[in-house]
Amino acid sequence: MTATPAEPAAMIRASEAGAMARARELASGVLGTTSPNPAVGAVVLAADGTPIGEGATAPPGGPHAEIAALAAAGDRARGGTVVVTLEPCAHTGRTGPCADALIAAGVARVVVAVPEPTELAGGGADQLRAAGIDVELGVEQAAAEAGALAGWLTGVREHRPFVVWKVAATLDGRVAAADGTSRWITGEEARAAVHRLRATCDAVVVGSGTALTDDPQLTVRGADGRTAPRQPLRVVVDRRGRLPATARVLDDAAPTHVSRAAGPVELLAELFDRDVRRVLLEGGPTLAAAFLRHGLVDEAVVHLAPKLLGAGPSLVGNLGIPTIAGALSLAIIDVTRLGGDVEVRLRPNRHTGGRQFAEGRS
């Protein structure tokens, strides 16, 4: 089946619009913890529009967002409205159908951002309507799809993880000096932002060249410098077996996968099979260029330091683009000051064709 088209623009109350913004925020807060399930947020409003409960998707096997929000609201949910970023599921996986729970809670209305795109979990809205519940689909859908659901939706549509490419460079686009030194191009605030970004991902990927040159640990550390309790999978692409046993990425601080994949397509297939839905690509210019050439970078996070080197490796390798007319075009979606540095978030300007959607939630 194909994705359910968004319904005509719904008339929603100001309280519901505010709840949807909060639901997206809640979903973003659990990125990196829910895969292979989607990161979803939900808010319960009383009949007068007052927020009375909220929740986000738990790790696999735990409650979905709607269930957590209903539990927080308790009996006050009866006659109220549930605002959720993804259509409530109608199937039984590791947990029961969210549609059944909403009906049992006696809610009067459900406001949904993204219609369920999978065959396995679809039908929730129809089930709710059959029970007499008012349902609005496609409310602020684009914002939800571009947010915490982006990784899961990429998995559904393209059967691969969503890839975020992170790179730190000088103002003239150098990732290291001519003598190979690169630590530290950016300041403390930018480095702290990298740890926050890693925490939202299921895996962090580097090539063997980066692992050999920089010997990174690739862990997530908090503001206090301590290793975070939840760590993404560390992945080193090492086709030639060059990674030494003493590499820090092989310590016991986090799980590590050393891949012999022949290219990014094969690597992403490996990671998808491991339930990875959001990848942070921190490799060097060569690996970044390979992903970009294959159209496999979904978002770029570029940290620019106000420094000039004039020599040294560029932030990306050869893309095989001979003229300016063929340049890869990216759209700036956010610019943030990080101390003395600047973070620029971009997404490639491209369109994704329709696919057969099969993946669901468990």
Protein backbone atom coordinates (compact mmCIF):
# COMPACT_ATOMS: atom_id res chain seq x y z
CA MET A 1 0.00 0.00 0.00
CA THR A 2 1.07 3.62 -0.32
CA ALA A 3 1.10 6.32 2.33
CA THR A 4 -2.33 7.59 3.33
CA PRO A 5 -2.77 11.07 1.82
CA ALA A 6 -3.23 13.92 4.25
CA GLU A 7 -6.84 14.94 4.73
CA PRO A 8 -7.95 18.53 4.03
CA ALA A 9 -6.52 21.05 6.48
CA ALA A 10 -8.28 20.49 9.80
CA MET A 11 -9.81 23.16 11.96
CA ILE A 12 -7.97 22.70 15.23
CA ARG A 13 -8.12 24.67 18.40
CA ALA A 14 -5.22 26.74 19.68
CA SER A 15 -4.86 24.30 22.58
CA GLU A 16 -4.49 21.42 20.11
CA ALA A 17 -1.87 23.29 18.08
CA GLY A 18 0.11 23.92 21.26
CA ALA A 19 -0.27 20.28 22.25
CA MET A 20 1.01 19.15 18.86
CA ALA A 21 4.12 21.31 19.24
CA ARG A 22 4.65 19.77 22.67
CA ALA A 23 4.11 16.26 21.26
CA ARG A 24 6.84 16.86 18.66
CA GLU A 25 9.14 18.07 21.44
CA LEU A 26 8.43 14.96 23.50
CA ALA A 27 9.19 12.76 20.51
CA SER A 28 12.51 14.51 19.90
CA GLY A 29 13.41 13.87 23.52
CA VAL A 30 13.43 10.09 23.03
CA LEU A 31 15.32 9.98 19.72
CA GLY A 32 17.93 7.26 19.84
CA THR A 33 16.06 5.12 22.40
CA THR A 34 13.07 3.70 20.50
CA SER A 35 14.41 1.96 17.38
CA PRO A 36 13.20 0.08 15.47
CA ASN A 37 9.97 1.71 16.67
CA PRO A 38 9.19 5.35 15.82
CA ALA A 39 9.82 8.16 18.29
CA VAL A 40 6.31 9.44 18.96
CA GLY A 41 4.95 12.06 21.34
CA ALA A 42 1.41 12.40 22.69
CA VAL A 43 -0.50 14.91 24.84
CA VAL A 44 -3.91 14.44 26.46
CA LEU A 45 -6.17 17.48 26.80
CA ALA A 46 -9.21 17.70 29.06
CA ALA A 47 -12.52 18.73 27.50
CA ASP A 48 -11.68 22.38 28.24
CA GLY A 49 -8.32 22.13 26.46
CA THR A 50 -6.17 21.89 29.60
CA PRO A 51 -3.16 19.53 29.26
CA ILE A 52 -3.63 16.65 31.71
CA GLY A 53 -1.11 14.05 30.55
CA GLU A 54 1.76 13.52 28.15
CA GLY A 55 4.11 10.76 27.08
CA ALA A 56 6.61 9.54 24.52
CA THR A 57 7.51 6.15 23.10
CA ALA A 58 9.44 3.93 25.51
CA PRO A 59 12.23 1.57 24.37
CA PRO A 60 10.96 -1.51 22.48
CA GLY A 61 8.60 -3.56 24.62
CA GLY A 62 7.56 -0.54 26.67
CA PRO A 63 4.42 1.55 26.27
CA HIS A 64 3.78 3.64 23.20
CA ALA A 65 3.33 7.39 23.56
CA GLU A 66 -0.47 7.30 23.71
CA ILE A 67 -0.45 4.70 26.47
CA ALA A 68 2.02 6.70 28.58
CA ALA A 69 0.00 9.87 28.10
CA LEU A 70 -3.29 8.14 29.03
CA ALA A 71 -1.67 6.67 32.14
CA ALA A 72 -0.57 10.17 33.19
CA ALA A 73 -4.06 11.57 32.58
CA GLY A 74 -5.96 8.77 34.31
CA ASP A 75 -9.77 9.06 34.47
CA ARG A 76 -9.55 12.71 33.42
CA ALA A 77 -8.95 11.56 29.84
CA ARG A 78 -12.63 10.61 29.46
CA GLY A 79 -14.27 13.05 27.08
CA GLY A 80 -10.93 14.67 26.26
CA THR A 81 -8.64 14.92 23.25
CA VAL A 82 -5.43 13.03 22.49
CA VAL A 83 -2.93 14.82 20.25
CA VAL A 84 -0.28 12.50 18.80
CA THR A 85 2.45 12.73 16.15
CA LEU A 86 1.67 9.36 14.51
CA GLU A 87 -1.66 7.59 13.95
CA PRO A 88 -2.38 5.16 16.82
CA CYS A 89 -1.61 1.58 15.87
CA ALA A 90 -4.30 -1.04 15.45
CA HIS A 91 -2.23 -4.20 15.79
CA THR A 92 -0.72 -6.26 18.58
CA GLY A 93 3.06 -6.48 18.67
CA ARG A 94 5.12 -6.42 21.87
CA THR A 95 2.30 -4.25 23.21
CA GLY A 96 -1.42 -4.06 22.56
CA PRO A 97 -3.17 -1.79 20.04
CA CYS A 98 -3.14 1.87 21.04
CA ALA A 99 -6.50 2.36 19.29
CA ASP A 100 -8.11 -0.08 21.74
CA ALA A 101 -6.62 1.79 24.70
CA LEU A 102 -7.96 5.12 23.44
CA ILE A 103 -11.43 3.68 23.00
CA ALA A 104 -11.34 2.14 26.48
CA ALA A 105 -10.22 5.49 27.95
CA GLY A 106 -13.34 7.15 26.57
CA VAL A 107 -11.63 9.97 24.70
CA ALA A 108 -13.84 12.03 22.40
CA ARG A 109 -11.28 13.21 19.84
CA VAL A 110 -7.88 12.23 18.47
CA VAL A 111 -5.70 14.68 16.52
CA VAL A 112 -2.94 13.05 14.44
CA ALA A 113 0.01 14.55 12.59
CA VAL A 114 1.20 11.65 10.40
CA PRO A 115 -1.14 8.94 9.07
CA GLU A 116 0.20 5.42 9.67
CA PRO A 117 2.17 4.45 6.52
CA THR A 118 2.53 0.71 7.14
CA GLU A 119 0.21 -2.17 6.36
CA LEU A 120 1.01 -3.88 9.64
CA ALA A 121 -0.09 -1.12 12.02
CA GLY A 122 -2.63 0.71 9.86
CA GLY A 123 -6.34 1.05 10.51
CA GLY A 124 -6.20 2.86 13.83
CA ALA A 125 -8.10 5.93 12.64
CA ASP A 126 -10.85 3.82 11.09
CA GLN A 127 -11.17 1.83 14.30
CA LEU A 128 -11.45 5.00 16.38
CA ARG A 129 -14.07 6.48 14.06
CA ALA A 130 -16.09 3.26 14.17
CA ALA A 131 -16.18 3.68 17.95
CA GLY A 132 -17.62 7.18 17.60
CA ILE A 133 -14.38 9.09 18.21
CA ASP A 134 -13.72 12.22 16.13
CA VAL A 135 -10.38 11.87 14.31
CA GLU A 136 -8.35 14.52 12.49
CA LEU A 137 -5.47 13.25 10.32
CA GLY A 138 -2.60 15.19 8.74
CA VAL A 139 -2.44 18.04 11.26
CA GLU A 140 0.95 19.78 10.93
CA GLN A 141 2.11 16.65 9.13
CA ALA A 142 5.16 18.13 7.39
CA ALA A 143 6.67 19.36 10.66
CA ALA A 144 6.23 15.96 12.29
CA GLU A 145 7.66 14.08 9.31
CA ALA A 146 10.74 16.32 9.28
CA GLY A 147 11.25 15.92 13.01
CA ALA A 148 11.63 12.86 15.21
CA LEU A 149 9.77 10.60 12.77
CA ALA A 150 12.19 11.26 9.89
CA GLY A 151 14.46 8.33 10.68
CA TRP A 152 11.66 5.80 11.09
CA LEU A 153 9.90 7.02 7.96
CA THR A 154 13.13 6.64 5.98
CA GLY A 155 13.28 3.05 7.17
CA VAL A 156 9.69 2.45 6.12
CA ARG A 157 10.08 4.07 2.72
CA GLU A 158 13.63 3.17 1.75
CA HIS A 159 14.50 0.22 4.01
CA ARG A 160 17.64 1.91 5.30
CA PRO A 161 18.61 4.14 8.24
CA PHE A 162 18.34 7.93 8.13
CA VAL A 163 21.88 9.36 7.88
CA VAL A 164 23.06 12.52 9.61
CA TRP A 165 26.50 13.65 8.45
CA LYS A 166 28.36 15.67 11.07
CA VAL A 167 31.57 17.54 10.25
CA ALA A 168 33.65 20.24 11.93
CA ALA A 169 35.66 22.54 9.69
CA THR A 170 37.43 25.85 9.51
CA LEU A 171 35.85 28.73 7.63
CA ASP A 172 37.74 27.68 4.51
CA GLY A 173 36.41 24.14 4.77
CA ARG A 174 39.44 22.35 6.22
CA VAL A 175 38.93 19.45 8.62
CA ALA A 176 42.61 19.27 9.58
CA ALA A 177 45.83 21.20 9.10
CA ALA A 178 48.44 20.26 6.51
CA ASP A 179 50.42 18.42 9.22
CA GLY A 180 47.36 16.30 10.06
CA THR A 181 46.45 17.96 13.35
CA SER A 182 42.71 18.49 13.86
CA ARG A 183 42.06 18.63 17.61
CA TRP A 184 40.45 20.92 18.35
CA ILE A 185 39.00 22.82 15.41
CA THR A 186 35.88 23.87 17.30
CA GLY A 187 35.35 24.93 20.90
CA GLU A 188 33.78 23.31 23.95
CA GLU A 189 30.19 24.27 23.17
CA ALA A 190 30.36 22.73 19.71
CA ARG A 191 31.94 19.56 21.11
CA ALA A 192 29.18 19.32 23.72
CA ALA A 193 26.61 19.66 20.93
CA VAL A 194 28.21 16.66 19.19
CA HIS A 195 27.62 14.52 22.27
CA ARG A 196 23.98 15.60 22.37
CA LEU A 197 23.68 14.72 18.68
CA ARG A 198 25.25 11.30 19.19
CA ALA A 199 22.70 10.61 21.93
CA THR A 200 19.87 10.97 19.39
CA CYS A 201 21.33 8.30 17.10
CA ASP A 202 21.38 4.51 17.12
CA ALA A 203 24.86 4.25 15.63
CA VAL A 204 27.95 6.40 15.03
CA VAL A 205 29.98 5.55 11.91
CA VAL A 206 33.61 6.31 11.04
CA GLY A 207 36.05 4.88 8.56
CA SER A 208 39.24 3.09 9.48
CA GLY A 209 41.26 6.16 8.45
CA THR A 210 39.56 8.32 11.06
CA ALA A 211 39.88 5.55 13.64
CA LEU A 212 43.63 5.26 12.97
CA THR A 213 44.38 8.99 12.76
CA ASP A 214 42.27 10.34 15.63
CA ASP A 215 41.69 7.19 17.74
CA PRO A 216 38.25 8.47 18.82
CA GLN A 217 36.25 6.73 21.53
CA LEU A 218 32.93 7.75 19.93
CA THR A 219 30.98 7.63 23.18
CA VAL A 220 28.28 9.94 24.51
CA ARG A 221 29.34 11.98 27.51
CA GLY A 222 27.18 14.32 29.56
CA ALA A 223 27.87 17.91 30.58
CA ASP A 224 29.76 16.58 33.61
CA GLY A 225 32.11 14.60 31.36
CA ARG A 226 30.77 11.24 32.53
CA THR A 227 29.87 8.49 30.10
CA ALA A 228 26.13 8.42 29.51
CA PRO A 229 24.23 5.26 30.54
CA ARG A 230 22.83 4.74 27.04
CA GLN A 231 25.36 4.51 24.21
CA PRO A 232 24.85 4.20 20.44
CA LEU A 233 26.53 1.40 18.51
CA ARG A 234 30.03 2.40 17.41
CA VAL A 235 30.71 1.35 13.82
CA VAL A 236 34.08 1.31 12.07
CA VAL A 237 34.22 0.59 8.35
CA ASP A 238 37.44 -1.41 8.04
CA ARG A 239 37.52 -3.43 4.85
CA ARG A 240 41.25 -4.11 5.06
CA GLY A 241 41.42 -5.11 8.72
CA ARG A 242 43.65 -2.18 9.73
CA LEU A 243 42.02 -1.40 13.09
CA PRO A 244 44.41 -2.35 15.92
CA ALA A 245 43.17 -4.21 18.98
CA THR A 246 44.30 -1.25 21.10
CA ALA A 247 41.92 1.22 19.40
CA ARG A 248 39.79 3.13 21.90
CA VAL A 249 36.69 2.38 19.87
CA LEU A 250 37.13 -1.26 20.90
CA ASP A 251 37.00 -0.60 24.63
CA ASP A 252 34.09 -1.70 26.81
CA ALA A 253 32.50 1.76 27.12
CA ALA A 254 29.97 0.97 24.36
CA PRO A 255 29.17 -1.77 21.84
CA THR A 256 31.19 -1.76 18.62
CA HIS A 257 30.65 -3.26 15.18
CA VAL A 258 33.59 -3.50 12.77
CA SER A 259 32.19 -3.72 9.25
CA ARG A 260 33.82 -5.12 6.13
CA ALA A 261 31.04 -3.71 3.95
CA ALA A 262 32.11 -2.93 0.40
CA GLY A 263 30.22 0.38 0.28
CA PRO A 264 27.65 2.62 2.05
CA VAL A 265 24.64 0.81 0.61
CA GLU A 266 25.83 -2.52 2.00
CA LEU A 267 26.82 -0.89 5.30
CA LEU A 268 23.39 0.69 5.79
CA ALA A 269 21.73 -2.64 4.99
CA GLU A 270 23.84 -4.26 7.72
CA LEU A 271 22.85 -1.61 10.22
CA PHE A 272 19.18 -1.68 9.23
CA ASP A 273 19.16 -5.41 9.97
CA ARG A 274 20.50 -4.53 13.44
CA ASP A 275 17.44 -2.29 14.03
CA VAL A 276 19.45 0.90 13.47
CA ARG A 277 17.19 3.64 12.12
CA ARG A 278 19.27 6.79 12.69
CA VAL A 279 22.99 6.93 11.88
CA LEU A 280 25.50 9.65 12.69
CA LEU A 281 28.23 9.70 10.06
CA GLU A 282 31.41 11.12 11.57
CA GLY A 283 33.85 9.68 9.08
CA GLY A 284 36.43 11.67 7.13
CA PRO A 285 36.20 13.30 3.69
CA THR A 286 36.44 10.04 1.72
CA LEU A 287 33.64 8.25 3.55
CA ALA A 288 31.46 11.37 3.52
CA ALA A 289 31.93 11.70 -0.24
CA ALA A 290 30.90 8.08 -0.77
CA PHE A 291 27.64 8.64 1.11
CA LEU A 292 26.95 11.90 -0.70
CA ARG A 293 27.63 10.41 -4.13
CA HIS A 294 25.09 7.68 -3.42
CA GLY A 295 22.47 10.17 -2.19
CA LEU A 296 22.59 8.64 1.27
CA VAL A 297 22.98 11.77 3.41
CA ASP A 298 19.61 12.93 4.73
CA GLU A 299 20.84 15.75 6.93
CA ALA A 300 24.15 17.56 7.41
CA VAL A 301 25.31 19.19 10.64
CA VAL A 302 28.30 21.42 9.92
CA HIS A 303 30.24 23.08 12.72
CA LEU A 304 32.23 26.02 11.37
CA ALA A 305 35.06 27.57 13.34
CA PRO A 306 36.13 31.15 12.51
CA LYS A 307 39.63 30.01 11.56
CA LEU A 308 41.57 29.84 8.30
CA LEU A 309 44.17 27.25 7.37
CA GLY A 310 44.54 27.60 3.60
CA ALA A 311 45.74 24.01 3.32
CA GLY A 312 44.85 20.55 4.59
CA PRO A 313 42.08 18.08 3.77
CA SER A 314 38.71 19.49 2.76
CA LEU A 315 35.52 18.63 4.59
CA VAL A 316 34.40 16.33 1.76
CA GLY A 317 36.30 14.35 -0.86
CA ASN A 318 35.76 14.15 -4.60
CA LEU A 319 32.08 14.05 -5.49
CA GLY A 320 32.68 13.68 -9.21
CA ILE A 321 30.95 16.99 -9.97
CA PRO A 322 32.80 18.86 -12.75
CA THR A 323 30.70 22.04 -13.02
CA ILE A 324 28.88 24.46 -10.73
CA ALA A 325 25.62 23.58 -12.48
CA GLY A 326 25.94 20.06 -11.11
CA ALA A 327 26.67 21.09 -7.53
CA LEU A 328 24.83 19.21 -4.81
CA SER A 329 22.18 21.61 -3.53
CA LEU A 330 21.31 21.77 0.16
CA ALA A 331 18.71 23.78 2.05
CA ILE A 332 19.64 25.47 5.32
CA ILE A 333 17.11 24.48 7.98
CA ASP A 334 18.77 26.01 11.03
CA VAL A 335 21.74 28.15 12.08
CA THR A 336 22.85 28.23 15.72
CA ARG A 337 25.67 30.05 17.50
CA LEU A 338 27.74 27.65 19.63
CA GLY A 339 30.09 29.84 21.60
CA GLY A 340 32.59 31.14 19.08
CA ASP A 341 31.50 28.64 16.41
CA VAL A 342 28.44 28.28 14.21
CA GLU A 343 26.30 25.19 13.64
CA VAL A 344 24.56 24.95 10.28
CA ARG A 345 21.95 22.25 9.71
CA LEU A 346 21.10 21.40 6.11
CA ARG A 347 19.12 18.88 4.14
CA PRO A 348 19.70 17.91 0.50
CA ASN A 349 17.14 19.18 -1.98
CA ARG A 350 15.76 15.94 -3.36
CA HIS A 351 12.51 14.08 -3.69
CA THR A 352 11.79 10.52 -2.66
CA GLY A 353 9.56 8.40 -4.84
CA GLY A 354 6.79 6.17 -3.50
CA ARG A 355 7.70 2.75 -2.17
CA GLN A 356 5.86 -0.29 -0.94
CA PHE A 357 5.56 0.29 2.80
CA ALA A 358 5.85 -2.80 4.98
CA GLU A 359 7.53 -2.01 8.29
CA GLY A 360 5.41 -1.57 11.41
CA ARG A 361 5.72 -1.10 15.17
CA SER A 362 6.15 -3.73 17.84
